[in-house]
Amino acid sequence: MSQMGMGHAVRFSGVSKSFDRVKAVGGLDLSIGRGRMTALLGPNGAGKSTSIDMLLGLLSQDAGQIEVLGGTPVAAVRAGRVGAMRQDGAFPASAKVREVLELGRRLYPRPAPLDELVDMADLGSLLTRRVDKLSGGQLQRVRFAFAAAGAPDLLVLDEPTVAMDVEARIRFWDGIRSFAEQDRTVLFSTHYLEEADEAADRITVLAKGKVLVEGTGEEIKRTVGRRSVSFRSDGPVPTGLELLPGVCGVERHHDRIRLQTTDSDATINALLSGDFTVRDLESSGGSLEEAFRALTSAAQEEKKN
């Protein structure tokens, strides 16, 4: 293994990619640690899909260097060390789930045992079903098992829980954690930010084809310096909340009013001393979604200027 790849499953160094006159990725420096679950986030047009395609050897970069598991992306894929679950993956309509999994296993030199794939993706009741008779969530679980069929060192998942209900997502991530616990690396992109916050060891946010911020979910949430103060209210949203010290946003969710604030202590003191009816008061750190919106909005404003 080269010195560059020590400790990293994936490394991008100064990588750029353009399509005609549109720069999709510009000077990207990105590292994915071995044995970690990493979420790749970003608004539309941030360069996520292009970066993943280059990582998988489906596109070549215009400049820079990409290393996957100590070698080139193409070499890692050809060696069966990389598995990918893509949104556009399709199987023959008449094929049964067991046949799809067996096909996937035959494509790799050291495949995962069939029963391990079945348990990991929760497919025991679906093995004899045709893939064209599966629901969207069931089909996603088959795609996951197919991607993991070669017991890859690196598993790349593109929006893996699309079309899944809440219970299916919980079971799915249980399977992913089971896979990752075998000292394997998982990189996934998702629009479900709460899911990324819960599942990922590390989160990387892209904007304009570059890394905007990276770290743990807690570290990223702290970058925007906001907290949430909420309370219950049965009537309309009280007037004047937006004028309280520290408050930078007011939202209502059912019977709960949530204030985004840069100074939770000052906001709470003003709430309690003011002419407000406050029940079930809570204070918490800001969510990853709030941090994501703030960071990417700032990046977009910077681009305009």
C-alpha atoms as a PDB file:
ATOM      1  CA  MET A   1       0.000   0.000   0.000  1.00  0.00           C
ATOM      2  CA  SER A   2       1.296   3.486  -0.777  1.00  0.00           C
ATOM      3  CA  GLN A   3       2.013   5.934   2.019  1.00  0.00           C
ATOM      4  CA  MET A   4      -0.797   8.126   0.721  1.00  0.00           C
ATOM      5  CA  GLY A   5      -3.438   5.527   1.471  1.00  0.00           C
ATOM      6  CA  MET A   6      -2.374   4.541   5.010  1.00  0.00           C
ATOM      7  CA  GLY A   7      -5.405   4.704   7.313  1.00  0.00           C
ATOM      8  CA  HIS A   8      -7.762   5.739   4.548  1.00  0.00           C
ATOM      9  CA  ALA A   9     -10.152   3.736   2.437  1.00  0.00           C
ATOM     10  CA  VAL A  10     -10.631   6.633   0.006  1.00  0.00           C
ATOM     11  CA  ARG A  11      -8.630   9.767  -0.649  1.00  0.00           C
ATOM     12  CA  PHE A  12      -9.232  12.544  -3.180  1.00  0.00           C
ATOM     13  CA  SER A  13      -6.379  15.022  -3.619  1.00  0.00           C
ATOM     14  CA  GLY A  14      -6.998  18.140  -5.703  1.00  0.00           C
ATOM     15  CA  VAL A  15      -9.586  16.351  -7.849  1.00  0.00           C
ATOM     16  CA  SER A  16     -11.469  18.287 -10.523  1.00  0.00           C
ATOM     17  CA  LYS A  17     -14.085  17.246 -13.057  1.00  0.00           C
ATOM     18  CA  SER A  18     -15.951  19.356 -15.601  1.00  0.00           C
ATOM     19  CA  PHE A  19     -18.680  18.626 -18.119  1.00  0.00           C
ATOM     20  CA  ASP A  20     -18.364  21.012 -21.047  1.00  0.00           C
ATOM     21  CA  ARG A  21     -18.075  24.377 -19.284  1.00  0.00           C
ATOM     22  CA  VAL A  22     -19.708  23.270 -16.028  1.00  0.00           C
ATOM     23  CA  LYS A  23     -17.313  22.416 -13.205  1.00  0.00           C
ATOM     24  CA  ALA A  24     -18.957  19.654 -11.170  1.00  0.00           C
ATOM     25  CA  VAL A  25     -15.992  19.094  -8.853  1.00  0.00           C
ATOM     26  CA  GLY A  26     -13.270  21.674  -8.322  1.00  0.00           C
ATOM     27  CA  GLY A  27     -10.102  20.864  -6.375  1.00  0.00           C
ATOM     28  CA  LEU A  28     -11.741  18.319  -4.057  1.00  0.00           C
ATOM     29  CA  ASP A  29      -9.685  17.109  -1.084  1.00  0.00           C
ATOM     30  CA  LEU A  30     -11.530  14.327   0.710  1.00  0.00           C
ATOM     31  CA  SER A  31     -10.500  11.464   2.985  1.00  0.00           C
ATOM     32  CA  ILE A  32     -12.665   8.537   4.136  1.00  0.00           C
ATOM     33  CA  GLY A  33     -11.206   6.636   7.077  1.00  0.00           C
ATOM     34  CA  ARG A  34     -11.024   2.849   7.021  1.00  0.00           C
ATOM     35  CA  GLY A  35     -13.569   1.008   9.124  1.00  0.00           C
ATOM     36  CA  ARG A  36     -15.901   3.994   9.414  1.00  0.00           C
ATOM     37  CA  MET A  37     -19.428   4.828   8.365  1.00  0.00           C
ATOM     38  CA  THR A  38     -19.254   8.167   6.558  1.00  0.00           C
ATOM     39  CA  ALA A  39     -22.175  10.206   5.261  1.00  0.00           C
ATOM     40  CA  LEU A  40     -21.692  12.380   2.180  1.00  0.00           C
ATOM     41  CA  LEU A  41     -24.136  15.284   2.160  1.00  0.00           C
ATOM     42  CA  GLY A  42     -24.705  18.304  -0.018  1.00  0.00           C
ATOM     43  CA  PRO A  43     -27.383  20.233  -1.900  1.00  0.00           C
ATOM     44  CA  ASN A  44     -28.243  19.366  -5.489  1.00  0.00           C
ATOM     45  CA  GLY A  45     -25.321  20.240  -7.720  1.00  0.00           C
ATOM     46  CA  ALA A  46     -22.760  19.932  -4.915  1.00  0.00           C
ATOM     47  CA  GLY A  47     -20.793  17.248  -6.769  1.00  0.00           C
ATOM     48  CA  LYS A  48     -21.820  14.195  -4.723  1.00  0.00           C
ATOM     49  CA  SER A  49     -22.875  11.986  -7.639  1.00  0.00           C
ATOM     50  CA  THR A  50     -19.868  12.950  -9.761  1.00  0.00           C
ATOM     51  CA  SER A  51     -17.511  12.244  -6.859  1.00  0.00           C
ATOM     52  CA  ILE A  52     -19.086   8.841  -6.241  1.00  0.00           C
ATOM     53  CA  ASP A  53     -18.886   7.959  -9.947  1.00  0.00           C
ATOM     54  CA  MET A  54     -15.185   8.818  -9.958  1.00  0.00           C
ATOM     55  CA  LEU A  55     -14.630   6.818  -6.777  1.00  0.00           C
ATOM     56  CA  LEU A  56     -16.229   3.803  -8.497  1.00  0.00           C
ATOM     57  CA  GLY A  57     -14.128   4.221 -11.621  1.00  0.00           C
ATOM     58  CA  LEU A  58     -17.139   5.110 -13.756  1.00  0.00           C
ATOM     59  CA  LEU A  59     -15.698   8.538 -14.546  1.00  0.00           C
ATOM     60  CA  SER A  60     -12.103   9.685 -14.786  1.00  0.00           C
ATOM     61  CA  GLN A  61     -11.018  12.929 -13.180  1.00  0.00           C
ATOM     62  CA  ASP A  62      -9.645  15.837 -15.204  1.00  0.00           C
ATOM     63  CA  ALA A  63      -7.012  16.614 -12.587  1.00  0.00           C
ATOM     64  CA  GLY A  64      -5.832  15.399  -9.200  1.00  0.00           C
ATOM     65  CA  GLN A  65      -5.460  11.939  -7.709  1.00  0.00           C
ATOM     66  CA  ILE A  66      -7.983   9.411  -6.379  1.00  0.00           C
ATOM     67  CA  GLU A  67      -6.919   6.465  -4.282  1.00  0.00           C
ATOM     68  CA  VAL A  68      -9.258   3.660  -3.215  1.00  0.00           C
ATOM     69  CA  LEU A  69      -8.020   0.986  -0.803  1.00  0.00           C
ATOM     70  CA  GLY A  70      -4.417   1.779  -1.656  1.00  0.00           C
ATOM     71  CA  GLY A  71      -4.741   1.737  -5.454  1.00  0.00           C
ATOM     72  CA  THR A  72      -6.743   3.184  -8.308  1.00  0.00           C
ATOM     73  CA  PRO A  73     -10.560   3.058  -8.273  1.00  0.00           C
ATOM     74  CA  VAL A  74     -10.612   0.710 -11.277  1.00  0.00           C
ATOM     75  CA  ALA A  75      -8.131  -1.679  -9.645  1.00  0.00           C
ATOM     76  CA  ALA A  76     -10.120  -1.799  -6.403  1.00  0.00           C
ATOM     77  CA  VAL A  77     -13.375  -2.495  -8.246  1.00  0.00           C
ATOM     78  CA  ARG A  78     -11.816  -5.179 -10.472  1.00  0.00           C
ATOM     79  CA  ALA A  79     -10.388  -6.907  -7.394  1.00  0.00           C
ATOM     80  CA  GLY A  80     -13.897  -7.185  -5.948  1.00  0.00           C
ATOM     81  CA  ARG A  81     -13.048  -4.973  -2.997  1.00  0.00           C
ATOM     82  CA  VAL A  82     -15.756  -2.380  -3.661  1.00  0.00           C
ATOM     83  CA  GLY A  83     -19.523  -2.857  -3.661  1.00  0.00           C
ATOM     84  CA  ALA A  84     -22.024  -0.217  -4.731  1.00  0.00           C
ATOM     85  CA  MET A  85     -25.748   0.241  -4.274  1.00  0.00           C
ATOM     86  CA  ARG A  86     -26.921   2.756  -6.848  1.00  0.00           C
ATOM     87  CA  GLN A  87     -30.348   4.284  -7.330  1.00  0.00           C
ATOM     88  CA  ASP A  88     -30.463   3.234 -10.974  1.00  0.00           C
ATOM     89  CA  GLY A  89     -29.579  -0.425 -10.351  1.00  0.00           C
ATOM     90  CA  ALA A  90     -32.022  -2.844 -12.024  1.00  0.00           C
ATOM     91  CA  PHE A  91     -32.503  -6.619 -12.147  1.00  0.00           C
ATOM     92  CA  PRO A  92     -34.273  -8.872 -14.679  1.00  0.00           C
ATOM     93  CA  ALA A  93     -37.988  -8.553 -13.911  1.00  0.00           C
ATOM     94  CA  SER A  94     -38.657 -12.289 -13.787  1.00  0.00           C
ATOM     95  CA  ALA A  95     -35.675 -13.127 -11.563  1.00  0.00           C
ATOM     96  CA  LYS A  96     -36.312 -14.335  -8.037  1.00  0.00           C
ATOM     97  CA  VAL A  97     -34.540 -12.752  -5.102  1.00  0.00           C
ATOM     98  CA  ARG A  98     -32.472 -15.880  -4.399  1.00  0.00           C
ATOM     99  CA  GLU A  99     -31.326 -15.953  -8.042  1.00  0.00           C
ATOM    100  CA  VAL A 100     -30.262 -12.305  -7.867  1.00  0.00           C
ATOM    101  CA  LEU A 101     -28.213 -12.914  -4.736  1.00  0.00           C
ATOM    102  CA  GLU A 102     -26.570 -16.024  -6.158  1.00  0.00           C
ATOM    103  CA  LEU A 103     -25.682 -14.087  -9.310  1.00  0.00           C
ATOM    104  CA  GLY A 104     -24.119 -11.366  -7.200  1.00  0.00           C
ATOM    105  CA  ARG A 105     -22.065 -13.900  -5.248  1.00  0.00           C
ATOM    106  CA  ARG A 106     -20.739 -15.505  -8.442  1.00  0.00           C
ATOM    107  CA  LEU A 107     -19.311 -12.175  -9.588  1.00  0.00           C
ATOM    108  CA  TYR A 108     -16.746 -12.045  -6.779  1.00  0.00           C
ATOM    109  CA  PRO A 109     -13.721 -14.170  -5.840  1.00  0.00           C
ATOM    110  CA  ARG A 110     -14.581 -14.333  -2.107  1.00  0.00           C
ATOM    111  CA  PRO A 111     -18.346 -13.928  -1.796  1.00  0.00           C
ATOM    112  CA  ALA A 112     -20.255 -13.512   1.436  1.00  0.00           C
ATOM    113  CA  PRO A 113     -22.270 -16.569   2.557  1.00  0.00           C
ATOM    114  CA  LEU A 114     -25.832 -16.469   1.274  1.00  0.00           C
ATOM    115  CA  ASP A 115     -27.364 -16.837   4.736  1.00  0.00           C
ATOM    116  CA  GLU A 116     -25.294 -13.869   5.948  1.00  0.00           C
ATOM    117  CA  LEU A 117     -26.651 -11.679   3.147  1.00  0.00           C
ATOM    118  CA  VAL A 118     -30.205 -12.827   3.803  1.00  0.00           C
ATOM    119  CA  ASP A 119     -29.982 -12.061   7.521  1.00  0.00           C
ATOM    120  CA  MET A 120     -28.212  -8.736   7.016  1.00  0.00           C
ATOM    121  CA  ALA A 121     -30.793  -7.448   4.516  1.00  0.00           C
ATOM    122  CA  ASP A 122     -33.795  -9.125   6.190  1.00  0.00           C
ATOM    123  CA  LEU A 123     -34.745 -11.050   3.037  1.00  0.00           C
ATOM    124  CA  GLY A 124     -35.727 -14.425   4.527  1.00  0.00           C
ATOM    125  CA  SER A 125     -39.379 -14.117   3.538  1.00  0.00           C
ATOM    126  CA  LEU A 126     -38.617 -12.790   0.037  1.00  0.00           C
ATOM    127  CA  LEU A 127     -36.205 -15.347  -1.457  1.00  0.00           C
ATOM    128  CA  THR A 128     -38.803 -16.930  -3.741  1.00  0.00           C
ATOM    129  CA  ARG A 129     -40.401 -13.631  -4.795  1.00  0.00           C
ATOM    130  CA  ARG A 130     -39.856 -12.142  -8.253  1.00  0.00           C
ATOM    131  CA  VAL A 131     -38.114  -8.784  -8.119  1.00  0.00           C
ATOM    132  CA  ASP A 132     -40.869  -7.138 -10.173  1.00  0.00           C
ATOM    133  CA  LYS A 133     -43.328  -8.048  -7.394  1.00  0.00           C
ATOM    134  CA  LEU A 134     -41.379  -6.275  -4.658  1.00  0.00           C
ATOM    135  CA  SER A 135     -42.235  -2.961  -3.059  1.00  0.00           C
ATOM    136  CA  GLY A 136     -39.806  -0.069  -3.392  1.00  0.00           C
ATOM    137  CA  GLY A 137     -38.429  -0.646   0.089  1.00  0.00           C
ATOM    138  CA  GLN A 138     -38.029  -4.388  -0.459  1.00  0.00           C
ATOM    139  CA  LEU A 139     -36.193  -3.761  -3.707  1.00  0.00           C
ATOM    140  CA  GLN A 140     -33.780  -1.425  -1.904  1.00  0.00           C
ATOM    141  CA  ARG A 141     -32.962  -4.230   0.537  1.00  0.00           C
ATOM    142  CA  VAL A 142     -32.216  -6.569  -2.380  1.00  0.00           C
ATOM    143  CA  ARG A 143     -29.946  -3.912  -3.925  1.00  0.00           C
ATOM    144  CA  PHE A 144     -28.097  -3.659  -0.624  1.00  0.00           C
ATOM    145  CA  ALA A 145     -27.597  -7.434  -0.407  1.00  0.00           C
ATOM    146  CA  PHE A 146     -26.439  -7.543  -4.046  1.00  0.00           C
ATOM    147  CA  ALA A 147     -23.910  -4.758  -3.357  1.00  0.00           C
ATOM    148  CA  ALA A 148     -22.622  -6.620  -0.296  1.00  0.00           C
ATOM    149  CA  ALA A 149     -22.501 -10.015  -2.052  1.00  0.00           C
ATOM    150  CA  GLY A 150     -18.742  -9.873  -2.584  1.00  0.00           C
ATOM    151  CA  ALA A 151     -18.018  -9.054   1.082  1.00  0.00           C
ATOM    152  CA  PRO A 152     -16.332  -5.827  -0.083  1.00  0.00           C
ATOM    153  CA  ASP A 153     -13.909  -3.807   2.015  1.00  0.00           C
ATOM    154  CA  LEU A 154     -15.723  -0.640   0.897  1.00  0.00           C
ATOM    155  CA  LEU A 155     -19.479  -0.367   0.409  1.00  0.00           C
ATOM    156  CA  VAL A 156     -20.909   2.714  -1.330  1.00  0.00           C
ATOM    157  CA  LEU A 157     -24.620   3.451  -0.912  1.00  0.00           C
ATOM    158  CA  ASP A 158     -26.449   6.097  -2.936  1.00  0.00           C
ATOM    159  CA  GLU A 159     -29.659   7.234  -1.193  1.00  0.00           C
ATOM    160  CA  PRO A 160     -30.137   3.721   0.242  1.00  0.00           C
ATOM    161  CA  THR A 161     -33.405   4.193   2.150  1.00  0.00           C
ATOM    162  CA  VAL A 162     -35.469   5.883  -0.541  1.00  0.00           C
ATOM    163  CA  ALA A 163     -38.987   4.334  -0.638  1.00  0.00           C
ATOM    164  CA  MET A 164     -38.592   2.731   2.805  1.00  0.00           C
ATOM    165  CA  ASP A 165     -40.995   3.365   5.670  1.00  0.00           C
ATOM    166  CA  VAL A 166     -39.721   4.145   9.174  1.00  0.00           C
ATOM    167  CA  GLU A 167     -39.651   0.531  10.381  1.00  0.00           C
ATOM    168  CA  ALA A 168     -37.902  -0.644   7.212  1.00  0.00           C
ATOM    169  CA  ARG A 169     -35.269   2.061   7.629  1.00  0.00           C
ATOM    170  CA  ILE A 170     -34.557   0.958  11.190  1.00  0.00           C
ATOM    171  CA  ARG A 171     -34.104  -2.673  10.096  1.00  0.00           C
ATOM    172  CA  PHE A 172     -32.005  -1.569   7.117  1.00  0.00           C
ATOM    173  CA  TRP A 173     -29.552   0.399   9.244  1.00  0.00           C
ATOM    174  CA  ASP A 174     -29.296  -2.532  11.649  1.00  0.00           C
ATOM    175  CA  GLY A 175     -28.082  -4.561   8.655  1.00  0.00           C
ATOM    176  CA  ILE A 176     -25.622  -1.856   7.602  1.00  0.00           C
ATOM    177  CA  ARG A 177     -24.162  -1.700  11.116  1.00  0.00           C
ATOM    178  CA  SER A 178     -23.804  -5.477  11.108  1.00  0.00           C
ATOM    179  CA  PHE A 179     -21.834  -5.178   7.875  1.00  0.00           C
ATOM    180  CA  ALA A 180     -19.670  -2.308   9.158  1.00  0.00           C
ATOM    181  CA  GLU A 181     -18.854  -4.114  12.408  1.00  0.00           C
ATOM    182  CA  GLN A 182     -16.696  -6.502  10.387  1.00  0.00           C
ATOM    183  CA  ASP A 183     -14.086  -3.714  10.043  1.00  0.00           C
ATOM    184  CA  ARG A 184     -15.466  -2.599   6.696  1.00  0.00           C
ATOM    185  CA  THR A 185     -15.927   0.915   5.385  1.00  0.00           C
ATOM    186  CA  VAL A 186     -19.328   2.332   4.434  1.00  0.00           C
ATOM    187  CA  LEU A 187     -19.832   5.564   2.486  1.00  0.00           C
ATOM    188  CA  PHE A 188     -23.411   6.684   1.932  1.00  0.00           C
ATOM    189  CA  SER A 189     -25.194   9.702   0.519  1.00  0.00           C
ATOM    190  CA  THR A 190     -28.639  10.637   1.759  1.00  0.00           C
ATOM    191  CA  HIS A 191     -31.159  13.459   1.900  1.00  0.00           C
ATOM    192  CA  TYR A 192     -32.419  12.202   5.280  1.00  0.00           C
ATOM    193  CA  LEU A 193     -30.206  14.296   7.542  1.00  0.00           C
ATOM    194  CA  GLU A 194     -31.521  12.838  10.792  1.00  0.00           C
ATOM    195  CA  GLU A 195     -30.544   9.425   9.421  1.00  0.00           C
ATOM    196  CA  ALA A 196     -27.024  10.643   8.661  1.00  0.00           C
ATOM    197  CA  ASP A 197     -26.708  12.113  12.145  1.00  0.00           C
ATOM    198  CA  GLU A 198     -27.702   8.829  13.775  1.00  0.00           C
ATOM    199  CA  ALA A 199     -25.835   6.373  11.534  1.00  0.00           C
ATOM    200  CA  ALA A 200     -22.575   8.041  10.505  1.00  0.00           C
ATOM    201  CA  ASP A 201     -19.317   8.134  12.446  1.00  0.00           C
ATOM    202  CA  ARG A 202     -18.237  11.050  10.263  1.00  0.00           C
ATOM    203  CA  ILE A 203     -20.127  13.455   8.024  1.00  0.00           C
ATOM    204  CA  THR A 204     -18.735  15.340   5.028  1.00  0.00           C
ATOM    205  CA  VAL A 205     -20.751  18.179   3.501  1.00  0.00           C
ATOM    206  CA  LEU A 206     -19.956  19.173  -0.083  1.00  0.00           C
ATOM    207  CA  ALA A 207     -20.819  22.471  -1.736  1.00  0.00           C
ATOM    208  CA  LYS A 208     -19.726  23.724  -5.146  1.00  0.00           C
ATOM    209  CA  GLY A 209     -17.623  20.598  -5.672  1.00  0.00           C
ATOM    210  CA  LYS A 210     -15.499  21.077  -2.546  1.00  0.00           C
ATOM    211  CA  VAL A 211     -15.628  20.025   1.093  1.00  0.00           C
ATOM    212  CA  LEU A 212     -17.569  22.662   3.012  1.00  0.00           C
ATOM    213  CA  VAL A 213     -17.266  21.055   6.448  1.00  0.00           C
ATOM    214  CA  GLU A 214     -16.537  17.631   7.914  1.00  0.00           C
ATOM    215  CA  GLY A 215     -16.582  16.049  11.340  1.00  0.00           C
ATOM    216  CA  THR A 216     -18.941  14.206  13.635  1.00  0.00           C
ATOM    217  CA  GLY A 217     -22.586  15.199  13.685  1.00  0.00           C
ATOM    218  CA  GLU A 218     -22.072  17.043  16.981  1.00  0.00           C
ATOM    219  CA  GLU A 219     -19.042  18.919  15.651  1.00  0.00           C
ATOM    220  CA  ILE A 220     -20.944  20.086  12.577  1.00  0.00           C
ATOM    221  CA  LYS A 221     -23.952  21.163  14.617  1.00  0.00           C
ATOM    222  CA  ARG A 222     -21.672  23.263  16.825  1.00  0.00           C
ATOM    223  CA  THR A 223     -20.226  25.132  13.833  1.00  0.00           C
ATOM    224  CA  VAL A 224     -23.362  27.241  13.463  1.00  0.00           C
ATOM    225  CA  GLY A 225     -23.557  28.071  17.175  1.00  0.00           C
ATOM    226  CA  ARG A 226     -27.324  27.668  17.419  1.00  0.00           C
ATOM    227  CA  ARG A 227     -29.545  25.932  19.918  1.00  0.00           C
ATOM    228  CA  SER A 228     -33.246  25.182  20.017  1.00  0.00           C
ATOM    229  CA  VAL A 229     -35.663  26.358  22.706  1.00  0.00           C
ATOM    230  CA  SER A 230     -39.173  24.950  22.492  1.00  0.00           C
ATOM    231  CA  PHE A 231     -42.408  24.972  24.479  1.00  0.00           C
ATOM    232  CA  ARG A 232     -46.004  23.880  24.107  1.00  0.00           C
ATOM    233  CA  SER A 233     -48.772  26.268  23.164  1.00  0.00           C
ATOM    234  CA  ASP A 234     -52.402  25.479  22.295  1.00  0.00           C
ATOM    235  CA  GLY A 235     -53.218  28.835  20.768  1.00  0.00           C
ATOM    236  CA  PRO A 236     -51.695  30.822  17.911  1.00  0.00           C
ATOM    237  CA  VAL A 237     -47.989  31.607  17.858  1.00  0.00           C
ATOM    238  CA  PRO A 238     -47.487  34.480  20.353  1.00  0.00           C
ATOM    239  CA  THR A 239     -46.425  37.753  18.817  1.00  0.00           C
ATOM    240  CA  GLY A 240     -43.030  39.151  19.648  1.00  0.00           C
ATOM    241  CA  LEU A 241     -41.126  35.865  19.858  1.00  0.00           C
ATOM    242  CA  GLU A 242     -38.865  36.863  16.969  1.00  0.00           C
ATOM    243  CA  LEU A 243     -37.833  39.951  18.970  1.00  0.00           C
ATOM    244  CA  LEU A 244     -36.528  38.014  21.970  1.00  0.00           C
ATOM    245  CA  PRO A 245     -32.763  38.149  22.547  1.00  0.00           C
ATOM    246  CA  GLY A 246     -30.845  35.574  20.507  1.00  0.00           C
ATOM    247  CA  VAL A 247     -33.831  34.398  18.470  1.00  0.00           C
ATOM    248  CA  CYS A 248     -33.098  33.922  14.758  1.00  0.00           C
ATOM    249  CA  GLY A 249     -36.028  31.710  13.752  1.00  0.00           C
ATOM    250  CA  VAL A 250     -39.534  30.727  14.889  1.00  0.00           C
ATOM    251  CA  GLU A 251     -41.262  27.514  13.802  1.00  0.00           C
ATOM    252  CA  ARG A 252     -44.391  25.657  14.832  1.00  0.00           C
ATOM    253  CA  HIS A 253     -44.707  21.859  14.841  1.00  0.00           C
ATOM    254  CA  HIS A 254     -48.221  20.783  15.876  1.00  0.00           C
ATOM    255  CA  ASP A 255     -48.660  22.123  19.441  1.00  0.00           C
ATOM    256  CA  ARG A 256     -44.974  22.892  19.950  1.00  0.00           C
ATOM    257  CA  ILE A 257     -43.247  26.179  19.135  1.00  0.00           C
ATOM    258  CA  ARG A 258     -39.504  25.986  18.448  1.00  0.00           C
ATOM    259  CA  LEU A 259     -37.178  28.972  18.603  1.00  0.00           C
ATOM    260  CA  GLN A 260     -33.756  28.872  16.968  1.00  0.00           C
ATOM    261  CA  THR A 261     -31.399  30.942  19.070  1.00  0.00           C
ATOM    262  CA  THR A 262     -27.765  31.950  19.321  1.00  0.00           C
ATOM    263  CA  ASP A 263     -28.119  32.544  23.088  1.00  0.00           C
ATOM    264  CA  SER A 264     -30.431  30.020  24.706  1.00  0.00           C
ATOM    265  CA  ASP A 265     -29.956  31.394  28.238  1.00  0.00           C
ATOM    266  CA  ALA A 266     -31.009  34.908  27.209  1.00  0.00           C
ATOM    267  CA  THR A 267     -33.945  33.544  25.207  1.00  0.00           C
ATOM    268  CA  ILE A 268     -35.222  31.414  28.098  1.00  0.00           C
ATOM    269  CA  ASN A 269     -34.872  34.270  30.615  1.00  0.00           C
ATOM    270  CA  ALA A 270     -36.840  36.567  28.320  1.00  0.00           C
ATOM    271  CA  LEU A 271     -39.531  33.932  27.779  1.00  0.00           C
ATOM    272  CA  LEU A 272     -40.009  33.348  31.500  1.00  0.00           C
ATOM    273  CA  SER A 273     -39.956  37.022  32.455  1.00  0.00           C
ATOM    274  CA  GLY A 274     -42.158  38.163  29.584  1.00  0.00           C
ATOM    275  CA  ASP A 275     -45.898  37.981  28.985  1.00  0.00           C
ATOM    276  CA  PHE A 276     -45.804  34.483  27.493  1.00  0.00           C
ATOM    277  CA  THR A 277     -47.590  31.305  28.502  1.00  0.00           C
ATOM    278  CA  VAL A 278     -44.859  28.673  28.465  1.00  0.00           C
ATOM    279  CA  ARG A 279     -45.436  24.954  29.151  1.00  0.00           C
ATOM    280  CA  ASP A 280     -43.034  22.015  28.913  1.00  0.00           C
ATOM    281  CA  LEU A 281     -39.996  24.153  28.150  1.00  0.00           C
ATOM    282  CA  GLU A 282     -37.037  22.371  26.531  1.00  0.00           C
ATOM    283  CA  SER A 283     -33.597  23.438  25.358  1.00  0.00           C
ATOM    284  CA  SER A 284     -31.403  21.360  23.073  1.00  0.00           C
ATOM    285  CA  GLY A 285     -28.591  21.625  20.570  1.00  0.00           C
ATOM    286  CA  GLY A 286     -29.498  22.512  17.016  1.00  0.00           C
ATOM    287  CA  SER A 287     -30.272  19.710  14.580  1.00  0.00           C
ATOM    288  CA  LEU A 288     -28.029  18.593  11.753  1.00  0.00           C
ATOM    289  CA  GLU A 289     -30.681  19.788   9.303  1.00  0.00           C
ATOM    290  CA  GLU A 290     -30.528  23.298  10.754  1.00  0.00           C
ATOM    291  CA  ALA A 291     -26.733  23.307  10.565  1.00  0.00           C
ATOM    292  CA  PHE A 292     -26.852  21.951   7.012  1.00  0.00           C
ATOM    293  CA  ARG A 293     -29.273  24.664   5.886  1.00  0.00           C
ATOM    294  CA  ALA A 294     -27.221  27.405   7.497  1.00  0.00           C
ATOM    295  CA  LEU A 295     -23.914  26.188   6.067  1.00  0.00           C
ATOM    296  CA  THR A 296     -25.127  25.545   2.530  1.00  0.00           C
ATOM    297  CA  SER A 297     -27.126  28.795   2.426  1.00  0.00           C
ATOM    298  CA  ALA A 298     -23.995  30.699   3.408  1.00  0.00           C
ATOM    299  CA  ALA A 299     -22.050  28.888   0.676  1.00  0.00           C
ATOM    300  CA  GLN A 300     -24.671  29.811  -1.915  1.00  0.00           C
ATOM    301  CA  GLU A 301     -24.611  33.463  -0.848  1.00  0.00           C
ATOM    302  CA  GLU A 302     -20.818  33.471  -1.096  1.00  0.00           C
ATOM    303  CA  LYS A 303     -21.069  32.037  -4.607  1.00  0.00           C
ATOM    304  CA  LYS A 304     -23.454  34.840  -5.669  1.00  0.00           C
ATOM    305  CA  ASN A 305     -21.111  37.495  -4.301  1.00  0.00           C
END
